């Protein structure tokens, strides 16, 4: 049978592991922006504005940036540059402002 000491010890151990076992904070992946063509890049909500990432990591990137949105205080711009779109440039997804010359793209 369990004695009071064993029960208290078990409760202490369970409480200790509950306090120390927590989810690892999300981290931005080094390869989230890798691309070779424009159609591999998608727009998501970043920490303060839209950002472009590879479509294969969209879910992980959105989860990361949702977490970051609670940690940062974003400046509110006094102008808007216009609608943004993703583009693959030099092997990485980047965010650009949609213009008439590239409006036919995504």
PDB file of N, CA and C in Angstrom:
ATOM      1  N   UNK A   1       0.825  -1.193   0.000  1.00  0.00           N
ATOM      2  CA  UNK A   1       0.000   0.000   0.000  1.00  0.00           C
ATOM      3  C   UNK A   1       0.865   1.251   0.000  1.00  0.00           C
ATOM      4  N   UNK A   2       0.281   2.280  -0.509  1.00  0.00           N
ATOM      5  CA  UNK A   2       0.978   3.553  -0.524  1.00  0.00           C
ATOM      6  C   UNK A   2       0.813   4.248   0.817  1.00  0.00           C
ATOM      7  N   UNK A   3       1.872   4.810   1.264  1.00  0.00           N
ATOM      8  CA  UNK A   3       1.790   5.600   2.488  1.00  0.00           C
ATOM      9  C   UNK A   3       1.592   7.061   2.099  1.00  0.00           C
ATOM     10  N   UNK A   4       1.304   7.862   3.093  1.00  0.00           N
ATOM     11  CA  UNK A   4       1.123   9.295   2.824  1.00  0.00           C
ATOM     12  C   UNK A   4       2.376   9.901   2.227  1.00  0.00           C
ATOM     13  N   UNK A   5       3.538   9.456   2.663  1.00  0.00           N
ATOM     14  CA  UNK A   5       4.801  10.000   2.156  1.00  0.00           C
ATOM     15  C   UNK A   5       4.956   9.666   0.676  1.00  0.00           C
ATOM     16  N   UNK A   6       4.626   8.427   0.285  1.00  0.00           N
ATOM     17  CA  UNK A   6       4.727   8.040  -1.120  1.00  0.00           C
ATOM     18  C   UNK A   6       3.767   8.850  -1.983  1.00  0.00           C
ATOM     19  N   UNK A   7       2.562   9.075  -1.488  1.00  0.00           N
ATOM     20  CA  UNK A   7       1.569   9.844  -2.243  1.00  0.00           C
ATOM     21  C   UNK A   7       2.028  11.292  -2.389  1.00  0.00           C
ATOM     22  N   UNK A   8       2.544  11.860  -1.315  1.00  0.00           N
ATOM     23  CA  UNK A   8       3.032  13.238  -1.374  1.00  0.00           C
ATOM     24  C   UNK A   8       4.227  13.326  -2.317  1.00  0.00           C
ATOM     25  N   UNK A   9       5.130  12.335  -2.239  1.00  0.00           N
ATOM     26  CA  UNK A   9       6.285  12.326  -3.134  1.00  0.00           C
ATOM     27  C   UNK A   9       5.841  12.219  -4.589  1.00  0.00           C
ATOM     28  N   UNK A  10       4.903  11.354  -4.887  1.00  0.00           N
ATOM     29  CA  UNK A  10       4.406  11.191  -6.250  1.00  0.00           C
ATOM     30  C   UNK A  10       3.756  12.476  -6.744  1.00  0.00           C
ATOM     31  N   UNK A  11       2.999  13.140  -5.882  1.00  0.00           N
ATOM     32  CA  UNK A  11       2.358  14.390  -6.264  1.00  0.00           C
ATOM     33  C   UNK A  11       3.402  15.472  -6.533  1.00  0.00           C
ATOM     34  N   UNK A  12       4.458  15.504  -5.716  1.00  0.00           N
ATOM     35  CA  UNK A  12       5.528  16.483  -5.915  1.00  0.00           C
ATOM     36  C   UNK A  12       6.241  16.241  -7.244  1.00  0.00           C
ATOM     37  N   UNK A  13       6.557  14.989  -7.543  1.00  0.00           N
ATOM     38  CA  UNK A  13       7.235  14.662  -8.797  1.00  0.00           C
ATOM     39  C   UNK A  13       6.352  15.021  -9.990  1.00  0.00           C
ATOM     40  N   UNK A  14       5.062  14.713  -9.911  1.00  0.00           N
ATOM     41  CA  UNK A  14       4.147  15.032 -11.007  1.00  0.00           C
ATOM     42  C   UNK A  14       4.045  16.538 -11.209  1.00  0.00           C
ATOM     43  N   UNK A  15       3.978  17.283 -10.121  1.00  0.00           N
ATOM     44  CA  UNK A  15       3.899  18.744 -10.220  1.00  0.00           C
ATOM     45  C   UNK A  15       5.189  19.321 -10.801  1.00  0.00           C
ATOM     46  N   UNK A  16       6.335  18.766 -10.400  1.00  0.00           N
ATOM     47  CA  UNK A  16       7.613  19.247 -10.916  1.00  0.00           C
ATOM     48  C   UNK A  16       7.714  19.028 -12.416  1.00  0.00           C
ATOM     49  N   UNK A  17       7.351  17.837 -12.882  1.00  0.00           N
ATOM     50  CA  UNK A  17       7.419  17.568 -14.313  1.00  0.00           C
ATOM     51  C   UNK A  17       6.403  18.391 -15.092  1.00  0.00           C
ATOM     52  N   UNK A  18       5.262  18.665 -14.507  1.00  0.00           N
ATOM     53  CA  UNK A  18       4.269  19.504 -15.183  1.00  0.00           C
ATOM     54  C   UNK A  18       4.797  20.922 -15.364  1.00  0.00           C
ATOM     55  N   UNK A  19       5.564  21.415 -14.386  1.00  0.00           N
ATOM     56  CA  UNK A  19       6.109  22.769 -14.490  1.00  0.00           C
ATOM     57  C   UNK A  19       7.268  22.831 -15.479  1.00  0.00           C
ATOM     58  N   UNK A  20       8.064  21.769 -15.566  1.00  0.00           N
ATOM     59  CA  UNK A  20       9.238  21.813 -16.429  1.00  0.00           C
ATOM     60  C   UNK A  20       8.948  21.340 -17.840  1.00  0.00           C
ATOM     61  N   UNK A  21       7.890  20.582 -18.035  1.00  0.00           N
ATOM     62  CA  UNK A  21       7.556  20.093 -19.377  1.00  0.00           C
ATOM     63  C   UNK A  21       6.637  21.103 -20.041  1.00  0.00           C
ATOM     64  N   UNK A  22       7.187  21.905 -20.907  1.00  0.00           N
ATOM     65  CA  UNK A  22       6.394  22.895 -21.626  1.00  0.00           C
ATOM     66  C   UNK A  22       6.758  22.830 -23.101  1.00  0.00           C
ATOM     67  N   UNK A  23       5.931  23.385 -23.907  1.00  0.00           N
ATOM     68  CA  UNK A  23       6.153  23.344 -25.350  1.00  0.00           C
ATOM     69  C   UNK A  23       7.362  24.200 -25.719  1.00  0.00           C
ATOM     70  N   UNK A  24       8.135  23.693 -26.626  1.00  0.00           N
ATOM     71  CA  UNK A  24       9.284  24.432 -27.143  1.00  0.00           C
ATOM     72  C   UNK A  24       8.772  25.649 -27.920  1.00  0.00           C
ATOM     73  N   UNK A  25       9.340  26.830 -27.693  1.00  0.00           N
ATOM     74  CA  UNK A  25       8.881  27.995 -28.454  1.00  0.00           C
ATOM     75  C   UNK A  25       9.130  27.798 -29.945  1.00  0.00           C
ATOM     76  N   UNK A  26       8.229  28.315 -30.742  1.00  0.00           N
ATOM     77  CA  UNK A  26       8.369  28.201 -32.190  1.00  0.00           C
ATOM     78  C   UNK A  26       9.531  29.064 -32.659  1.00  0.00           C
ATOM     79  N   UNK A  27      10.230  28.583 -33.669  1.00  0.00           N
ATOM     80  CA  UNK A  27      11.360  29.322 -34.221  1.00  0.00           C
ATOM     81  C   UNK A  27      11.197  29.439 -35.731  1.00  0.00           C
ATOM     82  N   UNK A  28      11.695  30.531 -36.258  1.00  0.00           N
ATOM     83  CA  UNK A  28      11.636  30.726 -37.705  1.00  0.00           C
ATOM     84  C   UNK A  28      12.617  29.779 -38.377  1.00  0.00           C
ATOM     85  N   UNK A  29      12.144  29.102 -39.401  1.00  0.00           N
ATOM     86  CA  UNK A  29      12.991  28.175 -40.132  1.00  0.00           C
ATOM     87  C   UNK A  29      13.929  28.886 -41.087  1.00  0.00           C
ATOM     88  N   UNK A  30      15.152  28.387 -41.189  1.00  0.00           N
ATOM     89  CA  UNK A  30      16.135  29.010 -42.074  1.00  0.00           C
ATOM     90  C   UNK A  30      15.767  28.856 -43.538  1.00  0.00           C
ATOM     91  N   UNK A  31      14.993  27.825 -43.863  1.00  0.00           N
ATOM     92  CA  UNK A  31      14.666  27.554 -45.259  1.00  0.00           C
ATOM     93  C   UNK A  31      13.234  27.930 -45.630  1.00  0.00           C
ATOM     94  N   UNK A  32      12.569  28.703 -44.818  1.00  0.00           N
ATOM     95  CA  UNK A  32      11.175  29.075 -45.069  1.00  0.00           C
ATOM     96  C   UNK A  32      11.007  29.892 -46.344  1.00  0.00           C
ATOM     97  N   UNK A  33      12.018  30.560 -46.764  1.00  0.00           N
ATOM     98  CA  UNK A  33      11.881  31.450 -47.921  1.00  0.00           C
ATOM     99  C   UNK A  33      12.551  30.897 -49.180  1.00  0.00           C
ATOM    100  N   UNK A  34      13.087  29.679 -49.120  1.00  0.00           N
ATOM    101  CA  UNK A  34      13.747  29.099 -50.292  1.00  0.00           C
ATOM    102  C   UNK A  34      12.769  28.928 -51.439  1.00  0.00           C
ATOM    103  N   UNK A  35      13.220  29.248 -52.647  1.00  0.00           N
ATOM    104  CA  UNK A  35      12.373  29.094 -53.835  1.00  0.00           C
ATOM    105  C   UNK A  35      13.237  29.081 -55.079  1.00  0.00           C
ATOM    106  N   UNK A  36      12.631  28.609 -56.169  1.00  0.00           N
ATOM    107  CA  UNK A  36      13.293  28.702 -57.467  1.00  0.00           C
ATOM    108  C   UNK A  36      12.379  29.350 -58.504  1.00  0.00           C
ATOM    109  N   UNK A  37      11.061  29.425 -58.195  1.00  0.00           N
ATOM    110  CA  UNK A  37      10.106  30.093 -59.083  1.00  0.00           C
ATOM    111  C   UNK A  37       9.107  30.883 -58.238  1.00  0.00           C
ATOM    112  N   UNK A  38       8.469  31.874 -58.853  1.00  0.00           N
ATOM    113  CA  UNK A  38       7.498  32.724 -58.146  1.00  0.00           C
ATOM    114  C   UNK A  38       6.332  31.926 -57.572  1.00  0.00           C
ATOM    115  N   UNK A  39       5.898  30.873 -58.265  1.00  0.00           N
ATOM    116  CA  UNK A  39       4.715  30.146 -57.797  1.00  0.00           C
ATOM    117  C   UNK A  39       4.972  29.315 -56.542  1.00  0.00           C
ATOM    118  N   UNK A  40       6.198  29.225 -56.072  1.00  0.00           N
ATOM    119  CA  UNK A  40       6.501  28.537 -54.820  1.00  0.00           C
ATOM    120  C   UNK A  40       6.303  29.450 -53.606  1.00  0.00           C
ATOM    121  N   UNK A  41       6.129  30.731 -53.832  1.00  0.00           N
ATOM    122  CA  UNK A  41       5.996  31.703 -52.746  1.00  0.00           C
ATOM    123  C   UNK A  41       4.531  32.078 -52.530  1.00  0.00           C
ATOM    124  N   UNK A  42       4.124  32.198 -51.267  1.00  0.00           N
ATOM    125  CA  UNK A  42       2.762  32.609 -50.912  1.00  0.00           C
ATOM    126  C   UNK A  42       2.842  33.725 -49.876  1.00  0.00           C
ATOM    127  N   UNK A  43       1.778  34.515 -49.813  1.00  0.00           N
ATOM    128  CA  UNK A  43       1.698  35.594 -48.834  1.00  0.00           C
ATOM    129  C   UNK A  43       1.001  35.100 -47.573  1.00  0.00           C
ATOM    130  N   UNK A  44       1.535  35.481 -46.410  1.00  0.00           N
ATOM    131  CA  UNK A  44       0.892  35.201 -45.132  1.00  0.00           C
ATOM    132  C   UNK A  44       0.982  36.458 -44.278  1.00  0.00           C
ATOM    133  N   UNK A  45       0.242  36.479 -43.178  1.00  0.00           N
ATOM    134  CA  UNK A  45       0.349  37.579 -42.226  1.00  0.00           C
ATOM    135  C   UNK A  45       1.605  37.374 -41.392  1.00  0.00           C
ATOM    136  N   UNK A  46       2.523  38.323 -41.462  1.00  0.00           N
ATOM    137  CA  UNK A  46       3.744  38.262 -40.667  1.00  0.00           C
ATOM    138  C   UNK A  46       3.499  38.866 -39.294  1.00  0.00           C
ATOM    139  N   UNK A  47       4.560  39.206 -38.606  1.00  0.00           N
ATOM    140  CA  UNK A  47       4.428  39.781 -37.272  1.00  0.00           C
ATOM    141  C   UNK A  47       3.715  41.126 -37.317  1.00  0.00           C
ATOM    142  N   UNK A  48       4.059  41.970 -38.278  1.00  0.00           N
ATOM    143  CA  UNK A  48       3.445  43.299 -38.373  1.00  0.00           C
ATOM    144  C   UNK A  48       2.788  43.578 -39.718  1.00  0.00           C
ATOM    145  N   UNK A  49       3.123  42.819 -40.728  1.00  0.00           N
ATOM    146  CA  UNK A  49       2.612  43.067 -42.072  1.00  0.00           C
ATOM    147  C   UNK A  49       2.662  41.756 -42.846  1.00  0.00           C
ATOM    148  N   UNK A  50       2.262  41.793 -44.084  1.00  0.00           N
ATOM    149  CA  UNK A  50       2.327  40.608 -44.935  1.00  0.00           C
ATOM    150  C   UNK A  50       3.782  40.233 -45.195  1.00  0.00           C
ATOM    151  N   UNK A  51       4.027  38.934 -45.355  1.00  0.00           N
ATOM    152  CA  UNK A  51       5.352  38.447 -45.698  1.00  0.00           C
ATOM    153  C   UNK A  51       5.223  37.247 -46.621  1.00  0.00           C
ATOM    154  N   UNK A  52       6.257  36.971 -47.377  1.00  0.00           N
ATOM    155  CA  UNK A  52       6.242  35.871 -48.329  1.00  0.00           C
ATOM    156  C   UNK A  52       7.080  34.713 -47.802  1.00  0.00           C
ATOM    157  N   UNK A  53       6.540  33.495 -47.919  1.00  0.00           N
ATOM    158  CA  UNK A  53       7.249  32.280 -47.536  1.00  0.00           C
ATOM    159  C   UNK A  53       6.985  31.204 -48.577  1.00  0.00           C
ATOM    160  N   UNK A  54       7.750  30.129 -48.520  1.00  0.00           N
ATOM    161  CA  UNK A  54       7.545  28.988 -49.399  1.00  0.00           C
ATOM    162  C   UNK A  54       6.227  28.314 -49.018  1.00  0.00           C
ATOM    163  N   UNK A  55       5.449  27.896 -50.011  1.00  0.00           N
ATOM    164  CA  UNK A  55       4.128  27.322 -49.757  1.00  0.00           C
ATOM    165  C   UNK A  55       4.201  26.047 -48.922  1.00  0.00           C
ATOM    166  N   UNK A  56       5.313  25.339 -48.943  1.00  0.00           N
ATOM    167  CA  UNK A  56       5.427  24.089 -48.205  1.00  0.00           C
ATOM    168  C   UNK A  56       5.521  24.287 -46.697  1.00  0.00           C
ATOM    169  N   UNK A  57       5.904  25.460 -46.250  1.00  0.00           N
ATOM    170  CA  UNK A  57       6.035  25.725 -44.816  1.00  0.00           C
ATOM    171  C   UNK A  57       5.005  26.752 -44.337  1.00  0.00           C
ATOM    172  N   UNK A  58       3.967  26.968 -45.129  1.00  0.00           N
ATOM    173  CA  UNK A  58       2.974  27.995 -44.824  1.00  0.00           C
ATOM    174  C   UNK A  58       2.372  27.812 -43.431  1.00  0.00           C
ATOM    175  N   UNK A  59       1.961  26.599 -43.076  1.00  0.00           N
ATOM    176  CA  UNK A  59       1.307  26.377 -41.776  1.00  0.00           C
ATOM    177  C   UNK A  59       2.244  26.673 -40.608  1.00  0.00           C
ATOM    178  N   UNK A  60       3.474  26.191 -40.686  1.00  0.00           N
ATOM    179  CA  UNK A  60       4.443  26.443 -39.611  1.00  0.00           C
ATOM    180  C   UNK A  60       4.767  27.927 -39.506  1.00  0.00           C
ATOM    181  N   UNK A  61       4.908  28.594 -40.640  1.00  0.00           N
ATOM    182  CA  UNK A  61       5.224  30.024 -40.644  1.00  0.00           C
ATOM    183  C   UNK A  61       4.077  30.837 -40.053  1.00  0.00           C
ATOM    184  N   UNK A  62       2.837  30.476 -40.403  1.00  0.00           N
ATOM    185  CA  UNK A  62       1.685  31.195 -39.843  1.00  0.00           C
ATOM    186  C   UNK A  62       1.617  31.014 -38.331  1.00  0.00           C
ATOM    187  N   UNK A  63       1.874  29.813 -37.845  1.00  0.00           N
ATOM    188  CA  UNK A  63       1.866  29.570 -36.394  1.00  0.00           C
ATOM    189  C   UNK A  63       2.954  30.390 -35.714  1.00  0.00           C
ATOM    190  N   UNK A  64       4.137  30.446 -36.310  1.00  0.00           N
ATOM    191  CA  UNK A  64       5.241  31.224 -35.746  1.00  0.00           C
ATOM    192  C   UNK A  64       4.884  32.712 -35.680  1.00  0.00           C
ATOM    193  N   UNK A  65       4.376  33.245 -36.770  1.00  0.00           N
ATOM    194  CA  UNK A  65       4.075  34.675 -36.797  1.00  0.00           C
ATOM    195  C   UNK A  65       2.877  35.032 -35.913  1.00  0.00           C
ATOM    196  N   UNK A  66       1.917  34.117 -35.745  1.00  0.00           N
ATOM    197  CA  UNK A  66       0.827  34.367 -34.785  1.00  0.00           C
ATOM    198  C   UNK A  66       1.401  34.526 -33.388  1.00  0.00           C
ATOM    199  N   UNK A  67       2.372  33.688 -33.043  1.00  0.00           N
ATOM    200  CA  UNK A  67       3.037  33.791 -31.744  1.00  0.00           C
ATOM    201  C   UNK A  67       3.793  35.107 -31.631  1.00  0.00           C
ATOM    202  N   UNK A  68       4.480  35.510 -32.692  1.00  0.00           N
ATOM    203  CA  UNK A  68       5.256  36.742 -32.678  1.00  0.00           C
ATOM    204  C   UNK A  68       4.375  37.982 -32.558  1.00  0.00           C
ATOM    205  N   UNK A  69       3.173  37.926 -33.109  1.00  0.00           N
ATOM    206  CA  UNK A  69       2.268  39.075 -33.062  1.00  0.00           C
ATOM    207  C   UNK A  69       1.934  39.459 -31.624  1.00  0.00           C
ATOM    208  N   UNK A  70       1.946  38.511 -30.708  1.00  0.00           N
ATOM    209  CA  UNK A  70       1.654  38.813 -29.305  1.00  0.00           C
ATOM    210  C   UNK A  70       2.868  39.396 -28.593  1.00  0.00           C
ATOM    211  N   UNK A  71       4.056  39.268 -29.173  1.00  0.00           N
ATOM    212  CA  UNK A  71       5.285  39.696 -28.521  1.00  0.00           C
ATOM    213  C   UNK A  71       5.820  41.035 -29.004  1.00  0.00           C
ATOM    214  N   UNK A  72       5.344  41.501 -30.155  1.00  0.00           N
ATOM    215  CA  UNK A  72       5.878  42.734 -30.720  1.00  0.00           C
ATOM    216  C   UNK A  72       4.827  43.842 -30.716  1.00  0.00           C
ATOM    217  N   UNK A  73       5.311  45.054 -30.720  1.00  0.00           N
ATOM    218  CA  UNK A  73       4.431  46.209 -30.856  1.00  0.00           C
ATOM    219  C   UNK A  73       4.774  46.854 -32.194  1.00  0.00           C
ATOM    220  N   UNK A  74       3.848  46.785 -33.103  1.00  0.00           N
ATOM    221  CA  UNK A  74       4.094  47.245 -34.469  1.00  0.00           C
ATOM    222  C   UNK A  74       3.821  48.733 -34.625  1.00  0.00           C
ATOM    223  N   UNK A  75       4.656  49.382 -35.399  1.00  0.00           N
ATOM    224  CA  UNK A  75       4.432  50.782 -35.740  1.00  0.00           C
ATOM    225  C   UNK A  75       3.342  50.839 -36.800  1.00  0.00           C
ATOM    226  N   UNK A  76       2.489  51.823 -36.698  1.00  0.00           N
ATOM    227  CA  UNK A  76       1.421  51.988 -37.687  1.00  0.00           C
ATOM    228  C   UNK A  76       1.911  52.981 -38.736  1.00  0.00           C
ATOM    229  N   UNK A  77       2.100  52.503 -39.987  1.00  0.00           N
ATOM    230  CA  UNK A  77       2.595  53.420 -41.021  1.00  0.00           C
ATOM    231  C   UNK A  77       1.548  54.472 -41.366  1.00  0.00           C
ATOM    232  N   UNK A  78       2.009  55.656 -41.713  1.00  0.00           N
ATOM    233  CA  UNK A  78       1.067  56.714 -42.065  1.00  0.00           C
ATOM    234  C   UNK A  78       0.711  56.683 -43.550  1.00  0.00           C
ATOM    235  N   UNK A  79       1.266  55.731 -44.285  1.00  0.00           N
ATOM    236  CA  UNK A  79       0.886  55.541 -45.688  1.00  0.00           C
ATOM    237  C   UNK A  79       0.866  54.044 -45.974  1.00  0.00           C
ATOM    238  N   UNK A  80       0.140  53.684 -46.975  1.00  0.00           N
ATOM    239  CA  UNK A  80       0.094  52.296 -47.439  1.00  0.00           C
ATOM    240  C   UNK A  80       0.714  52.252 -48.819  1.00  0.00           C
ATOM    241  N   UNK A  81       1.623  51.303 -49.005  1.00  0.00           N
ATOM    242  CA  UNK A  81       2.304  51.212 -50.288  1.00  0.00           C
ATOM    243  C   UNK A  81       1.434  50.586 -51.360  1.00  0.00           C
ATOM    244  N   UNK A  82       0.416  49.882 -51.006  1.00  0.00           N
ATOM    245  CA  UNK A  82      -0.427  49.207 -51.972  1.00  0.00           C
ATOM    246  C   UNK A  82      -0.460  47.712 -51.703  1.00  0.00           C
ATOM    247  N   UNK A  83      -1.154  47.014 -52.559  1.00  0.00           N
ATOM    248  CA  UNK A  83      -1.285  45.567 -52.389  1.00  0.00           C
ATOM    249  C   UNK A  83       0.075  44.890 -52.573  1.00  0.00           C
ATOM    250  N   UNK A  84       0.344  43.917 -51.730  1.00  0.00           N
ATOM    251  CA  UNK A  84       1.623  43.226 -51.784  1.00  0.00           C
ATOM    252  C   UNK A  84       1.468  41.866 -52.424  1.00  0.00           C
ATOM    253  N   UNK A  85       2.561  41.384 -52.985  1.00  0.00           N
ATOM    254  CA  UNK A  85       2.550  40.074 -53.629  1.00  0.00           C
ATOM    255  C   UNK A  85       3.906  39.399 -53.402  1.00  0.00           C
ATOM    256  N   UNK A  86       3.934  38.062 -53.472  1.00  0.00           N
ATOM    257  CA  UNK A  86       5.212  37.363 -53.285  1.00  0.00           C
ATOM    258  C   UNK A  86       5.982  37.268 -54.597  1.00  0.00           C
ATOM    259  N   UNK A  87       7.302  37.183 -54.479  1.00  0.00           N
ATOM    260  CA  UNK A  87       8.157  37.011 -55.650  1.00  0.00           C
ATOM    261  C   UNK A  87       9.387  36.219 -55.231  1.00  0.00           C
ATOM    262  N   UNK A  88       9.863  35.358 -56.112  1.00  0.00           N
ATOM    263  CA  UNK A  88      11.103  34.614 -55.870  1.00  0.00           C
ATOM    264  C   UNK A  88      12.237  35.401 -56.514  1.00  0.00           C
ATOM    265  N   UNK A  89      13.195  35.782 -55.706  1.00  0.00           N
ATOM    266  CA  UNK A  89      14.330  36.552 -56.223  1.00  0.00           C
ATOM    267  C   UNK A  89      15.606  36.040 -55.570  1.00  0.00           C
ATOM    268  N   UNK A  90      16.566  35.666 -56.378  1.00  0.00           N
ATOM    269  CA  UNK A  90      17.858  35.164 -55.905  1.00  0.00           C
ATOM    270  C   UNK A  90      17.705  33.980 -54.946  1.00  0.00           C
ATOM    271  N   UNK A  91      16.728  33.110 -55.232  1.00  0.00           N
ATOM    272  CA  UNK A  91      16.538  31.898 -54.439  1.00  0.00           C
ATOM    273  C   UNK A  91      15.756  32.067 -53.155  1.00  0.00           C
ATOM    274  N   UNK A  92      15.136  33.243 -52.959  1.00  0.00           N
ATOM    275  CA  UNK A  92      14.381  33.486 -51.733  1.00  0.00           C
ATOM    276  C   UNK A  92      13.090  34.233 -52.000  1.00  0.00           C
ATOM    277  N   UNK A  93      12.037  33.859 -51.264  1.00  0.00           N
ATOM    278  CA  UNK A  93      10.749  34.549 -51.396  1.00  0.00           C
ATOM    279  C   UNK A  93      10.857  35.926 -50.754  1.00  0.00           C
ATOM    280  N   UNK A  94      10.350  36.930 -51.452  1.00  0.00           N
ATOM    281  CA  UNK A  94      10.323  38.279 -50.905  1.00  0.00           C
ATOM    282  C   UNK A  94       8.970  38.906 -51.193  1.00  0.00           C
ATOM    283  N   UNK A  95       8.649  39.944 -50.457  1.00  0.00           N
ATOM    284  CA  UNK A  95       7.388  40.656 -50.613  1.00  0.00           C
ATOM    285  C   UNK A  95       7.634  41.926 -51.405  1.00  0.00           C
ATOM    286  N   UNK A  96       6.842  42.111 -52.468  1.00  0.00           N
ATOM    287  CA  UNK A  96       6.956  43.330 -53.263  1.00  0.00           C
ATOM    288  C   UNK A  96       5.573  43.959 -53.391  1.00  0.00           C
ATOM    289  N   UNK A  97       5.542  45.219 -53.766  1.00  0.00           N
ATOM    290  CA  UNK A  97       4.289  45.923 -53.989  1.00  0.00           C
ATOM    291  C   UNK A  97       3.835  45.645 -55.414  1.00  0.00           C
ATOM    292  N   UNK A  98       2.571  45.246 -55.544  1.00  0.00           N
ATOM    293  CA  UNK A  98       2.015  44.944 -56.865  1.00  0.00           C
ATOM    294  C   UNK A  98       1.932  46.233 -57.677  1.00  0.00           C
ATOM    295  N   UNK A  99       2.446  46.185 -58.888  1.00  0.00           N
ATOM    296  CA  UNK A  99       2.407  47.322 -59.806  1.00  0.00           C
ATOM    297  C   UNK A  99       1.821  46.857 -61.113  1.00  0.00           C
ATOM    298  N   UNK A 100       1.533  47.764 -61.990  1.00  0.00           N
ATOM    299  CA  UNK A 100       0.918  47.423 -63.270  1.00  0.00           C
ATOM    300  C   UNK A 100       1.776  46.428 -64.052  1.00  0.00           C
ATOM    301  N   UNK A 101       3.076  46.543 -63.970  1.00  0.00           N
ATOM    302  CA  UNK A 101       3.972  45.660 -64.727  1.00  0.00           C
ATOM    303  C   UNK A 101       3.918  44.230 -64.236  1.00  0.00           C
ATOM    304  N   UNK A 102       3.633  44.012 -62.952  1.00  0.00           N
ATOM    305  CA  UNK A 102       3.607  42.646 -62.440  1.00  0.00           C
ATOM    306  C   UNK A 102       2.225  42.244 -61.926  1.00  0.00           C
ATOM    307  N   UNK A 103       1.201  42.982 -62.273  1.00  0.00           N
ATOM    308  CA  UNK A 103      -0.159  42.697 -61.803  1.00  0.00           C
ATOM    309  C   UNK A 103      -0.696  41.385 -62.357  1.00  0.00           C
ATOM    310  N   UNK A 104      -0.199  40.939 -63.497  1.00  0.00           N
ATOM    311  CA  UNK A 104      -0.668  39.681 -64.079  1.00  0.00           C
ATOM    312  C   UNK A 104      -0.186  38.491 -63.277  1.00  0.00           C
ATOM    313  N   UNK A 105       0.872  38.660 -62.501  1.00  0.00           N
ATOM    314  CA  UNK A 105       1.363  37.580 -61.643  1.00  0.00           C
ATOM    315  C   UNK A 105       0.438  37.451 -60.447  1.00  0.00           C
ATOM    316  N   UNK A 106       0.774  36.572 -59.504  1.00  0.00           N
ATOM    317  CA  UNK A 106      -0.045  36.344 -58.305  1.00  0.00           C
ATOM    318  C   UNK A 106      -0.545  37.612 -57.688  1.00  0.00           C
TER     319      UNK A 106
END
